[in-house]
Amino acid sequence: MYSGIYLFICLFCFVLFRDVEFEIIVVDDGSPDGTQDVVKQLQQVYGEDCILLRPRPKKLGLGTAYIHGLKHASGNFVVIMDADLSHHPKYLPSFIKKQLETGASIVTGTRYAQGGGVHGWNLMRKLTSRGANVLAQTLLWPGVSDLTGSFRLYKKSVLEDIITSVVSKGYVFQMEMIVRASRKGYHIEEVPITFVDRVFGSSKLGGSEIVE
């Protein structure tokens, strides 16, 4: 995984360093792959005020990782994304542009709108993800095309409001977040993205979580 986070941070800095004031918060749940050592090396290059390492002793769940990272965020906007290049930093300017143009409370990446897609999934995984989204669209009417994706830009105040009321754990957390935001009347916009299945590392998403 450390190779992934190294490239992620370097690409992030390349894409945004001259245009947007930002900080990168790395939440690492005690992984044994050297991620924290690489982050510390990169802090020497970009500075500890730009790259923040906020580790936890063990894996405690996706939702609590978000809350842990949010506590250390100092900006007005928060982008949540995977650091294995499944979510490519090249899309970040499009997220920022969409937010500036629309004033959206949330900008979410979508694999299922025109211009979006998935690379590296087998047919069963594609059908499961697509089926879960169609079912959720039918039952919940969230107003977005991709409920299970996690590449999102939030207004910090909106994220703080929503995250405290979410009860789900694991990867269902993503779906509940966007549904609650929609029910609260927050303005949500979408940006098409291509999701590439874990350029580095192995997936932590198990079959039971996909079905859930």
C-alpha atoms as a PDB file:
ATOM      1  CA  MET A   1       0.000   0.000   0.000  1.00  0.00           C
ATOM      2  CA  TYR A   2       2.873   2.396   0.722  1.00  0.00           C
ATOM      3  CA  SER A   3       3.640   2.721  -2.991  1.00  0.00           C
ATOM      4  CA  GLY A   4       0.034   3.731  -3.548  1.00  0.00           C
ATOM      5  CA  ILE A   5       0.001   6.395  -0.887  1.00  0.00           C
ATOM      6  CA  TYR A   6       3.353   7.729  -2.113  1.00  0.00           C
ATOM      7  CA  LEU A   7       2.044   8.198  -5.633  1.00  0.00           C
ATOM      8  CA  PHE A   8      -1.270   9.521  -4.341  1.00  0.00           C
ATOM      9  CA  ILE A   9       0.336  12.300  -2.339  1.00  0.00           C
ATOM     10  CA  CYS A  10       2.801  13.218  -5.082  1.00  0.00           C
ATOM     11  CA  LEU A  11       0.048  13.378  -7.686  1.00  0.00           C
ATOM     12  CA  PHE A  12      -2.198  15.340  -5.343  1.00  0.00           C
ATOM     13  CA  CYS A  13       0.529  17.919  -4.837  1.00  0.00           C
ATOM     14  CA  PHE A  14       1.247  18.071  -8.560  1.00  0.00           C
ATOM     15  CA  VAL A  15      -2.422  18.646  -9.419  1.00  0.00           C
ATOM     16  CA  LEU A  16      -3.234  21.224  -6.766  1.00  0.00           C
ATOM     17  CA  PHE A  17      -0.073  22.636  -5.227  1.00  0.00           C
ATOM     18  CA  ARG A  18      -0.048  25.895  -7.190  1.00  0.00           C
ATOM     19  CA  ASP A  19      -3.774  26.506  -7.364  1.00  0.00           C
ATOM     20  CA  VAL A  20      -5.416  25.565  -4.059  1.00  0.00           C
ATOM     21  CA  GLU A  21      -4.383  25.830  -0.432  1.00  0.00           C
ATOM     22  CA  PHE A  22      -4.774  22.332   0.989  1.00  0.00           C
ATOM     23  CA  GLU A  23      -3.768  19.766   3.566  1.00  0.00           C
ATOM     24  CA  ILE A  24      -3.684  15.975   3.261  1.00  0.00           C
ATOM     25  CA  ILE A  25      -4.833  14.010   6.306  1.00  0.00           C
ATOM     26  CA  VAL A  26      -3.705  10.383   6.311  1.00  0.00           C
ATOM     27  CA  VAL A  27      -5.650   8.114   8.675  1.00  0.00           C
ATOM     28  CA  ASP A  28      -3.787   4.825   9.011  1.00  0.00           C
ATOM     29  CA  ASP A  29      -5.273   2.026  11.111  1.00  0.00           C
ATOM     30  CA  GLY A  30      -2.075   0.347  12.245  1.00  0.00           C
ATOM     31  CA  SER A  31      -1.219  -1.095   8.829  1.00  0.00           C
ATOM     32  CA  PRO A  32       2.054  -3.093   8.717  1.00  0.00           C
ATOM     33  CA  ASP A  33       2.996  -2.028   5.177  1.00  0.00           C
ATOM     34  CA  GLY A  34       5.185   0.974   5.935  1.00  0.00           C
ATOM     35  CA  THR A  35       2.579   3.628   5.085  1.00  0.00           C
ATOM     36  CA  GLN A  36       3.397   5.740   8.127  1.00  0.00           C
ATOM     37  CA  ASP A  37       7.128   5.716   7.377  1.00  0.00           C
ATOM     38  CA  VAL A  38       6.510   6.917   3.817  1.00  0.00           C
ATOM     39  CA  VAL A  39       4.174   9.677   5.024  1.00  0.00           C
ATOM     40  CA  LYS A  40       6.827  10.859   7.466  1.00  0.00           C
ATOM     41  CA  GLN A  41       9.358  11.026   4.627  1.00  0.00           C
ATOM     42  CA  LEU A  42       6.954  13.053   2.517  1.00  0.00           C
ATOM     43  CA  GLN A  43       6.318  15.397   5.433  1.00  0.00           C
ATOM     44  CA  GLN A  44       9.983  16.336   5.218  1.00  0.00           C
ATOM     45  CA  VAL A  45       9.434  17.402   1.593  1.00  0.00           C
ATOM     46  CA  TYR A  46       6.018  19.089   1.752  1.00  0.00           C
ATOM     47  CA  GLY A  47       5.861  19.988   5.453  1.00  0.00           C
ATOM     48  CA  GLU A  48       3.863  18.666   8.391  1.00  0.00           C
ATOM     49  CA  ASP A  49       1.351  21.478   8.009  1.00  0.00           C
ATOM     50  CA  CYS A  50       0.520  20.188   4.503  1.00  0.00           C
ATOM     51  CA  ILE A  51       0.616  16.432   5.156  1.00  0.00           C
ATOM     52  CA  LEU A  52      -0.884  15.362   8.472  1.00  0.00           C
ATOM     53  CA  LEU A  53      -0.422  11.808   9.759  1.00  0.00           C
ATOM     54  CA  ARG A  54      -3.166  10.817  12.177  1.00  0.00           C
ATOM     55  CA  PRO A  55      -2.717   7.086  12.888  1.00  0.00           C
ATOM     56  CA  ARG A  56      -4.883   4.781  14.979  1.00  0.00           C
ATOM     57  CA  PRO A  57      -3.668   1.628  16.752  1.00  0.00           C
ATOM     58  CA  LYS A  58      -5.908  -0.791  14.844  1.00  0.00           C
ATOM     59  CA  LYS A  59      -8.730  -1.053  12.319  1.00  0.00           C
ATOM     60  CA  LEU A  60     -11.802   0.509  13.925  1.00  0.00           C
ATOM     61  CA  GLY A  61     -14.158   0.917  10.983  1.00  0.00           C
ATOM     62  CA  LEU A  62     -14.617   3.235   8.033  1.00  0.00           C
ATOM     63  CA  GLY A  63     -17.048   5.623   9.704  1.00  0.00           C
ATOM     64  CA  THR A  64     -14.863   6.214  12.738  1.00  0.00           C
ATOM     65  CA  ALA A  65     -11.883   6.774  10.429  1.00  0.00           C
ATOM     66  CA  TYR A  66     -13.811   9.594   8.742  1.00  0.00           C
ATOM     67  CA  ILE A  67     -14.693  11.120  12.103  1.00  0.00           C
ATOM     68  CA  HIS A  68     -11.076  10.838  13.249  1.00  0.00           C
ATOM     69  CA  GLY A  69      -9.804  12.581  10.135  1.00  0.00           C
ATOM     70  CA  LEU A  70     -12.506  15.251  10.246  1.00  0.00           C
ATOM     71  CA  LYS A  71     -11.444  16.293  13.744  1.00  0.00           C
ATOM     72  CA  HIS A  72      -8.098  17.374  12.311  1.00  0.00           C
ATOM     73  CA  ALA A  73      -9.386  19.158   9.180  1.00  0.00           C
ATOM     74  CA  SER A  74      -8.884  22.923   9.275  1.00  0.00           C
ATOM     75  CA  GLY A  75     -10.347  23.977   5.907  1.00  0.00           C
ATOM     76  CA  ASN A  76     -13.885  24.819   4.815  1.00  0.00           C
ATOM     77  CA  PHE A  77     -14.088  21.820   2.467  1.00  0.00           C
ATOM     78  CA  VAL A  78     -13.167  18.168   2.917  1.00  0.00           C
ATOM     79  CA  VAL A  79     -12.416  15.680   0.142  1.00  0.00           C
ATOM     80  CA  ILE A  80     -12.677  12.004   1.073  1.00  0.00           C
ATOM     81  CA  MET A  81     -10.926   9.576  -1.248  1.00  0.00           C
ATOM     82  CA  ASP A  82      -8.977   6.318  -1.282  1.00  0.00           C
ATOM     83  CA  ALA A  83      -5.183   6.604  -1.302  1.00  0.00           C
ATOM     84  CA  ASP A  84      -4.534   3.592  -3.550  1.00  0.00           C
ATOM     85  CA  LEU A  85      -5.203   5.507  -6.793  1.00  0.00           C
ATOM     86  CA  SER A  86      -8.636   3.926  -7.223  1.00  0.00           C
ATOM     87  CA  HIS A  87      -9.708   7.557  -6.923  1.00  0.00           C
ATOM     88  CA  HIS A  88      -7.340   9.514  -9.132  1.00  0.00           C
ATOM     89  CA  PRO A  89      -6.394  13.045  -8.012  1.00  0.00           C
ATOM     90  CA  LYS A  90      -6.759  14.249 -11.608  1.00  0.00           C
ATOM     91  CA  TYR A  91     -10.510  14.574 -10.988  1.00  0.00           C
ATOM     92  CA  LEU A  92     -10.111  16.995  -8.087  1.00  0.00           C
ATOM     93  CA  PRO A  93     -10.072  20.159 -10.243  1.00  0.00           C
ATOM     94  CA  SER A  94     -13.419  19.048 -11.732  1.00  0.00           C
ATOM     95  CA  PHE A  95     -14.856  18.583  -8.234  1.00  0.00           C
ATOM     96  CA  ILE A  96     -13.686  22.035  -7.193  1.00  0.00           C
ATOM     97  CA  LYS A  97     -14.953  23.641 -10.400  1.00  0.00           C
ATOM     98  CA  LYS A  98     -18.377  22.018  -9.982  1.00  0.00           C
ATOM     99  CA  GLN A  99     -18.646  23.250  -6.408  1.00  0.00           C
ATOM    100  CA  LEU A 100     -17.661  26.792  -7.362  1.00  0.00           C
ATOM    101  CA  GLU A 101     -20.132  26.857 -10.256  1.00  0.00           C
ATOM    102  CA  THR A 102     -23.105  25.426  -8.355  1.00  0.00           C
ATOM    103  CA  GLY A 103     -22.455  26.170  -4.692  1.00  0.00           C
ATOM    104  CA  ALA A 104     -23.133  22.506  -3.954  1.00  0.00           C
ATOM    105  CA  SER A 105     -22.888  21.189  -0.407  1.00  0.00           C
ATOM    106  CA  ILE A 106     -21.566  17.878  -1.740  1.00  0.00           C
ATOM    107  CA  VAL A 107     -19.888  16.933  -5.015  1.00  0.00           C
ATOM    108  CA  THR A 108     -19.732  13.178  -5.479  1.00  0.00           C
ATOM    109  CA  GLY A 109     -17.913  11.130  -8.070  1.00  0.00           C
ATOM    110  CA  THR A 110     -20.119   8.841 -10.129  1.00  0.00           C
ATOM    111  CA  ARG A 111     -19.237   5.715 -12.080  1.00  0.00           C
ATOM    112  CA  TYR A 112     -22.738   5.415 -13.502  1.00  0.00           C
ATOM    113  CA  ALA A 113     -23.389   8.706 -15.294  1.00  0.00           C
ATOM    114  CA  GLN A 114     -22.270   9.478 -18.838  1.00  0.00           C
ATOM    115  CA  GLY A 115     -18.498   9.753 -18.890  1.00  0.00           C
ATOM    116  CA  GLY A 116     -18.003   7.564 -15.818  1.00  0.00           C
ATOM    117  CA  GLY A 117     -16.947   3.940 -15.586  1.00  0.00           C
ATOM    118  CA  VAL A 118     -15.145   1.131 -13.787  1.00  0.00           C
ATOM    119  CA  HIS A 119     -11.890  -0.575 -14.733  1.00  0.00           C
ATOM    120  CA  GLY A 120     -10.605  -3.825 -13.246  1.00  0.00           C
ATOM    121  CA  TRP A 121     -13.812  -5.365 -11.892  1.00  0.00           C
ATOM    122  CA  ASN A 122     -15.097  -8.761 -12.954  1.00  0.00           C
ATOM    123  CA  LEU A 123     -18.664  -9.133 -14.207  1.00  0.00           C
ATOM    124  CA  MET A 124     -20.049 -10.304 -10.857  1.00  0.00           C
ATOM    125  CA  ARG A 125     -18.640  -7.309  -8.996  1.00  0.00           C
ATOM    126  CA  LYS A 126     -20.023  -4.928 -11.612  1.00  0.00           C
ATOM    127  CA  LEU A 127     -23.473  -6.536 -11.449  1.00  0.00           C
ATOM    128  CA  THR A 128     -23.499  -6.500  -7.642  1.00  0.00           C
ATOM    129  CA  SER A 129     -22.520  -2.838  -7.406  1.00  0.00           C
ATOM    130  CA  ARG A 130     -24.849  -1.758 -10.170  1.00  0.00           C
ATOM    131  CA  GLY A 131     -27.693  -3.822  -8.730  1.00  0.00           C
ATOM    132  CA  ALA A 132     -27.214  -2.340  -5.270  1.00  0.00           C
ATOM    133  CA  ASN A 133     -27.359   1.150  -6.731  1.00  0.00           C
ATOM    134  CA  VAL A 134     -30.488   0.430  -8.774  1.00  0.00           C
ATOM    135  CA  LEU A 135     -32.235  -1.097  -5.746  1.00  0.00           C
ATOM    136  CA  ALA A 136     -31.280   1.851  -3.560  1.00  0.00           C
ATOM    137  CA  GLN A 137     -32.434   4.300  -6.235  1.00  0.00           C
ATOM    138  CA  THR A 138     -35.819   2.584  -6.330  1.00  0.00           C
ATOM    139  CA  LEU A 139     -36.314   2.412  -2.559  1.00  0.00           C
ATOM    140  CA  LEU A 140     -34.566   5.536  -1.282  1.00  0.00           C
ATOM    141  CA  TRP A 141     -34.712   8.119  -4.103  1.00  0.00           C
ATOM    142  CA  PRO A 142     -31.419   9.786  -3.130  1.00  0.00           C
ATOM    143  CA  GLY A 143     -31.149  11.885  -6.289  1.00  0.00           C
ATOM    144  CA  VAL A 144     -27.677  10.642  -7.255  1.00  0.00           C
ATOM    145  CA  SER A 145     -26.592   7.896  -9.638  1.00  0.00           C
ATOM    146  CA  ASP A 146     -23.805   6.376  -7.503  1.00  0.00           C
ATOM    147  CA  LEU A 147     -24.644   5.711  -3.861  1.00  0.00           C
ATOM    148  CA  THR A 148     -21.832   3.326  -3.007  1.00  0.00           C
ATOM    149  CA  GLY A 149     -18.916   5.428  -4.230  1.00  0.00           C
ATOM    150  CA  SER A 150     -16.733   7.213  -1.687  1.00  0.00           C
ATOM    151  CA  PHE A 151     -14.914   9.867  -3.756  1.00  0.00           C
ATOM    152  CA  ARG A 152     -16.628  13.029  -2.512  1.00  0.00           C
ATOM    153  CA  LEU A 153     -16.118  16.694  -1.739  1.00  0.00           C
ATOM    154  CA  TYR A 154     -18.092  18.041   1.223  1.00  0.00           C
ATOM    155  CA  LYS A 155     -18.558  21.429   2.758  1.00  0.00           C
ATOM    156  CA  LYS A 156     -17.012  20.790   6.152  1.00  0.00           C
ATOM    157  CA  SER A 157     -20.064  22.088   8.012  1.00  0.00           C
ATOM    158  CA  VAL A 158     -22.313  19.727   6.039  1.00  0.00           C
ATOM    159  CA  LEU A 159     -20.075  16.736   6.693  1.00  0.00           C
ATOM    160  CA  GLU A 160     -20.040  17.532  10.408  1.00  0.00           C
ATOM    161  CA  ASP A 161     -23.837  17.732  10.418  1.00  0.00           C
ATOM    162  CA  ILE A 162     -24.391  14.444   8.595  1.00  0.00           C
ATOM    163  CA  ILE A 163     -21.675  12.254  10.047  1.00  0.00           C
ATOM    164  CA  THR A 164     -22.896  12.489  13.635  1.00  0.00           C
ATOM    165  CA  SER A 165     -26.253  10.931  12.741  1.00  0.00           C
ATOM    166  CA  VAL A 166     -24.960   8.002  10.659  1.00  0.00           C
ATOM    167  CA  VAL A 167     -25.359   4.606  12.330  1.00  0.00           C
ATOM    168  CA  SER A 168     -23.998   2.254   9.644  1.00  0.00           C
ATOM    169  CA  LYS A 169     -20.525   0.758   9.793  1.00  0.00           C
ATOM    170  CA  GLY A 170     -18.195  -0.464   7.087  1.00  0.00           C
ATOM    171  CA  TYR A 171     -18.862   0.324   3.446  1.00  0.00           C
ATOM    172  CA  VAL A 172     -22.622   0.831   3.909  1.00  0.00           C
ATOM    173  CA  PHE A 173     -21.558   4.031   5.634  1.00  0.00           C
ATOM    174  CA  GLN A 174     -21.086   5.687   2.229  1.00  0.00           C
ATOM    175  CA  MET A 175     -24.650   4.992   1.179  1.00  0.00           C
ATOM    176  CA  GLU A 176     -26.188   6.254   4.401  1.00  0.00           C
ATOM    177  CA  MET A 177     -24.149   9.455   4.226  1.00  0.00           C
ATOM    178  CA  ILE A 178     -25.498  10.471   0.826  1.00  0.00           C
ATOM    179  CA  VAL A 179     -29.069   9.388   1.632  1.00  0.00           C
ATOM    180  CA  ARG A 180     -29.108  11.427   4.829  1.00  0.00           C
ATOM    181  CA  ALA A 181     -27.681  14.431   2.989  1.00  0.00           C
ATOM    182  CA  SER A 182     -30.435  14.173   0.394  1.00  0.00           C
ATOM    183  CA  ARG A 183     -33.145  13.853   3.056  1.00  0.00           C
ATOM    184  CA  LYS A 184     -31.800  16.950   4.795  1.00  0.00           C
ATOM    185  CA  GLY A 185     -32.138  18.885   1.547  1.00  0.00           C
ATOM    186  CA  TYR A 186     -28.471  19.504   0.883  1.00  0.00           C
ATOM    187  CA  HIS A 187     -27.495  20.409  -2.678  1.00  0.00           C
ATOM    188  CA  ILE A 188     -25.643  17.466  -4.253  1.00  0.00           C
ATOM    189  CA  GLU A 189     -23.859  17.512  -7.617  1.00  0.00           C
ATOM    190  CA  GLU A 190     -22.047  14.744  -9.507  1.00  0.00           C
ATOM    191  CA  VAL A 191     -18.824  14.510 -11.510  1.00  0.00           C
ATOM    192  CA  PRO A 192     -18.203  11.474 -13.770  1.00  0.00           C
ATOM    193  CA  ILE A 193     -15.122   9.471 -12.780  1.00  0.00           C
ATOM    194  CA  THR A 194     -13.478   6.240 -13.845  1.00  0.00           C
ATOM    195  CA  PHE A 195     -12.858   3.997 -10.850  1.00  0.00           C
ATOM    196  CA  VAL A 196      -9.752   1.825 -11.209  1.00  0.00           C
ATOM    197  CA  ASP A 197      -9.747  -1.165  -8.865  1.00  0.00           C
ATOM    198  CA  ARG A 198      -6.826  -0.807  -6.440  1.00  0.00           C
ATOM    199  CA  VAL A 199      -3.712  -0.010  -8.416  1.00  0.00           C
ATOM    200  CA  PHE A 200      -1.753  -0.930  -5.281  1.00  0.00           C
ATOM    201  CA  GLY A 201      -2.633  -3.409  -2.525  1.00  0.00           C
ATOM    202  CA  SER A 202      -5.497  -5.838  -2.186  1.00  0.00           C
ATOM    203  CA  SER A 203      -9.127  -4.963  -1.667  1.00  0.00           C
ATOM    204  CA  LYS A 204     -10.462  -4.858   1.889  1.00  0.00           C
ATOM    205  CA  LEU A 205     -14.018  -5.103   0.615  1.00  0.00           C
ATOM    206  CA  GLY A 206     -15.341  -8.587   1.293  1.00  0.00           C
ATOM    207  CA  GLY A 207     -18.244 -10.382  -0.313  1.00  0.00           C
ATOM    208  CA  SER A 208     -20.506  -9.943   2.710  1.00  0.00           C
ATOM    209  CA  GLU A 209     -19.954  -6.170   2.662  1.00  0.00           C
ATOM    210  CA  ILE A 210     -20.725  -5.991  -1.054  1.00  0.00           C
ATOM    211  CA  VAL A 211     -24.015  -7.828  -0.491  1.00  0.00           C
ATOM    212  CA  GLU A 212     -24.843  -5.646   2.509  1.00  0.00           C
END
